[in-house]
C-alpha atoms as a PDB file:
ATOM      1  CA  MET A   1     122.678 121.402 176.298  1.00  0.00           C
ATOM      2  CA  LEU A   2     125.047 118.977 177.949  1.00  0.00           C
ATOM      3  CA  LYS A   3     123.895 116.700 180.703  1.00  0.00           C
ATOM      4  CA  VAL A   4     127.354 115.322 181.442  1.00  0.00           C
ATOM      5  CA  PRO A   5     130.698 116.926 182.290  1.00  0.00           C
ATOM      6  CA  ALA A   6     132.645 117.967 179.186  1.00  0.00           C
ATOM      7  CA  SER A   7     135.522 120.086 178.017  1.00  0.00           C
ATOM      8  CA  ILE A   8     135.500 122.558 175.154  1.00  0.00           C
ATOM      9  CA  ASN A   9     138.071 124.168 172.900  1.00  0.00           C
ATOM     10  CA  GLN A  10     138.578 127.742 171.716  1.00  0.00           C
ATOM     11  CA  ASP A  11     135.981 127.413 168.944  1.00  0.00           C
ATOM     12  CA  MET A  12     133.118 126.614 171.299  1.00  0.00           C
ATOM     13  CA  LYS A  13     131.131 128.642 173.803  1.00  0.00           C
ATOM     14  CA  ALA A  14     129.768 127.408 177.110  1.00  0.00           C
ATOM     15  CA  LEU A  15     126.974 128.997 179.096  1.00  0.00           C
ATOM     16  CA  LEU A  16     126.497 128.155 182.727  1.00  0.00           C
ATOM     17  CA  PRO A  17     123.047 129.292 183.811  1.00  0.00           C
ATOM     18  CA  LYS A  18     122.663 131.176 187.062  1.00  0.00           C
ATOM     19  CA  LYS A  19     120.956 129.365 189.908  1.00  0.00           C
ATOM     20  CA  GLU A  20     117.729 131.248 189.206  1.00  0.00           C
ATOM     21  CA  CYS A  21     117.691 130.172 185.547  1.00  0.00           C
ATOM     22  CA  ASN A  22     116.293 126.868 184.306  1.00  0.00           C
ATOM     23  CA  ALA A  23     118.854 125.445 181.836  1.00  0.00           C
ATOM     24  CA  VAL A  24     116.160 124.042 179.533  1.00  0.00           C
ATOM     25  CA  PHE A  25     114.434 127.434 179.478  1.00  0.00           C
ATOM     26  CA  LEU A  26     117.733 129.132 178.608  1.00  0.00           C
ATOM     27  CA  ALA A  27     118.443 126.621 175.827  1.00  0.00           C
ATOM     28  CA  SER A  28     114.946 127.191 174.404  1.00  0.00           C
ATOM     29  CA  ALA A  29     115.386 130.967 174.533  1.00  0.00           C
ATOM     30  CA  LEU A  30     118.681 130.687 172.646  1.00  0.00           C
ATOM     31  CA  ARG A  31     117.190 128.322 170.049  1.00  0.00           C
ATOM     32  CA  ASN A  32     114.478 130.934 169.544  1.00  0.00           C
ATOM     33  CA  ARG A  33     117.229 133.454 168.698  1.00  0.00           C
ATOM     34  CA  GLU A  34     118.906 131.132 166.174  1.00  0.00           C
ATOM     35  CA  ALA A  35     118.445 133.470 163.175  1.00  0.00           C
ATOM     36  CA  LEU A  36     119.940 136.382 165.111  1.00  0.00           C
ATOM     37  CA  LEU A  37     122.892 134.285 166.278  1.00  0.00           C
ATOM     38  CA  LEU A  38     123.562 132.889 162.793  1.00  0.00           C
ATOM     39  CA  ALA A  39     123.456 136.392 161.319  1.00  0.00           C
ATOM     40  CA  GLU A  40     126.119 137.458 163.812  1.00  0.00           C
ATOM     41  CA  THR A  41     128.589 134.659 163.107  1.00  0.00           C
ATOM     42  CA  GLY A  42     131.907 135.460 161.499  1.00  0.00           C
ATOM     43  CA  SER A  43     134.768 133.378 160.209  1.00  0.00           C
ATOM     44  CA  SER A  44     137.887 132.554 162.162  1.00  0.00           C
ATOM     45  CA  ALA A  45     141.394 132.680 160.708  1.00  0.00           C
ATOM     46  CA  HIS A  46     141.270 128.983 159.842  1.00  0.00           C
ATOM     47  CA  GLY A  47     137.847 129.175 158.153  1.00  0.00           C
ATOM     48  CA  THR A  48     135.478 127.864 160.790  1.00  0.00           C
ATOM     49  CA  LYS A  49     132.467 129.887 161.858  1.00  0.00           C
ATOM     50  CA  LYS A  50     132.697 131.756 165.148  1.00  0.00           C
ATOM     51  CA  LEU A  51     130.413 133.640 167.459  1.00  0.00           C
ATOM     52  CA  ASP A  52     132.058 136.298 169.584  1.00  0.00           C
ATOM     53  CA  THR A  53     131.442 136.054 173.310  1.00  0.00           C
ATOM     54  CA  THR A  54     130.301 139.691 173.338  1.00  0.00           C
ATOM     55  CA  VAL A  55     127.604 138.947 170.751  1.00  0.00           C
ATOM     56  CA  LEU A  56     126.414 135.925 172.705  1.00  0.00           C
ATOM     57  CA  GLY A  57     126.356 137.949 175.922  1.00  0.00           C
ATOM     58  CA  ASN A  58     124.190 140.619 174.293  1.00  0.00           C
ATOM     59  CA  VAL A  59     121.456 138.234 173.111  1.00  0.00           C
ATOM     60  CA  PRO A  60     118.224 139.262 174.819  1.00  0.00           C
ATOM     61  CA  ILE A  61     116.780 136.495 176.998  1.00  0.00           C
ATOM     62  CA  PRO A  62     113.243 136.898 178.360  1.00  0.00           C
ATOM     63  CA  VAL A  63     113.103 137.624 182.061  1.00  0.00           C
ATOM     64  CA  ALA A  64     110.767 135.235 183.845  1.00  0.00           C
ATOM     65  CA  SER A  65     110.477 133.971 187.393  1.00  0.00           C
ATOM     66  CA  VAL A  66     111.824 130.493 188.135  1.00  0.00           C
ATOM     67  CA  GLU A  67     108.230 129.315 188.516  1.00  0.00           C
ATOM     68  CA  GLU A  68     107.326 130.648 185.044  1.00  0.00           C
ATOM     69  CA  GLN A  69     110.450 129.097 183.551  1.00  0.00           C
ATOM     70  CA  ASN A  70     109.625 125.739 185.111  1.00  0.00           C
ATOM     71  CA  GLU A  71     106.023 125.946 183.872  1.00  0.00           C
ATOM     72  CA  PHE A  72     107.276 126.717 180.354  1.00  0.00           C
ATOM     73  CA  VAL A  73     109.647 123.736 180.485  1.00  0.00           C
ATOM     74  CA  THR A  74     106.898 121.446 181.797  1.00  0.00           C
ATOM     75  CA  GLN A  75     104.583 122.444 178.944  1.00  0.00           C
ATOM     76  CA  VAL A  76     107.304 122.108 176.305  1.00  0.00           C
ATOM     77  CA  GLU A  77     108.356 118.681 177.579  1.00  0.00           C
ATOM     78  CA  ALA A  78     104.711 117.539 177.560  1.00  0.00           C
ATOM     79  CA  LEU A  79     104.350 118.708 173.955  1.00  0.00           C
ATOM     80  CA  LYS A  80     107.573 116.934 172.967  1.00  0.00           C
ATOM     81  CA  SER A  81     106.282 113.744 174.561  1.00  0.00           C
ATOM     82  CA  THR A  82     103.021 114.043 172.622  1.00  0.00           C
ATOM     83  CA  VAL A  83     104.895 114.597 169.356  1.00  0.00           C
ATOM     84  CA  ILE A  84     107.077 111.530 169.960  1.00  0.00           C
ATOM     85  CA  THR A  85     104.041 109.395 170.805  1.00  0.00           C
ATOM     86  CA  GLU A  86     102.179 110.542 167.695  1.00  0.00           C
ATOM     87  CA  TYR A  87     105.256 110.043 165.513  1.00  0.00           C
ATOM     88  CA  ASP A  88     105.587 106.476 166.788  1.00  0.00           C
ATOM     89  CA  ARG A  89     101.884 105.856 166.168  1.00  0.00           C
ATOM     90  CA  LEU A  90     102.095 107.207 162.608  1.00  0.00           C
ATOM     91  CA  ASN A  91     105.259 105.240 161.922  1.00  0.00           C
ATOM     92  CA  THR A  92     103.502 102.047 163.049  1.00  0.00           C
ATOM     93  CA  LEU A  93     100.517 102.884 160.833  1.00  0.00           C
ATOM     94  CA  TYR A  94     102.779 103.569 157.850  1.00  0.00           C
ATOM     95  CA  ASN A  95     104.639 100.287 158.338  1.00  0.00           C
ATOM     96  CA  SER A  96     101.343  98.435 158.565  1.00  0.00           C
ATOM     97  CA  LEU A  97     100.011 100.030 155.377  1.00  0.00           C
ATOM     98  CA  ALA A  98     103.290  99.507 153.526  1.00  0.00           C
ATOM     99  CA  GLN A  99     103.328  95.841 154.475  1.00  0.00           C
ATOM    100  CA  ARG A 100      99.711  95.460 153.383  1.00  0.00           C
ATOM    101  CA  TYR A 101     100.204  97.106 149.976  1.00  0.00           C
ATOM    102  CA  PHE A 102     103.752  96.123 149.076  1.00  0.00           C
ATOM    103  CA  ALA A 103     104.122  92.651 150.573  1.00  0.00           C
END
């Protein structure tokens, strides 16, 4: 998901969410369909992988109200924040233990 203006070439796909669709929710829904999308990729004439626009357009996305989408995003972002905090805490603990035992 881009958060800045960008351009793309013929080997990339861009999705612009409708006004009633939370972009983070859409990105999460597509990540959840990763196995399906990878199974549907083909090869282009010059050997790169490609995903046809028709295939991408037919990927089922859950229908949820904007409020439900926003609630989902809020919960996911809170969980991500917790994971990052715990990772930092464990990394600090590891560094402390490594310094104690290997210094």
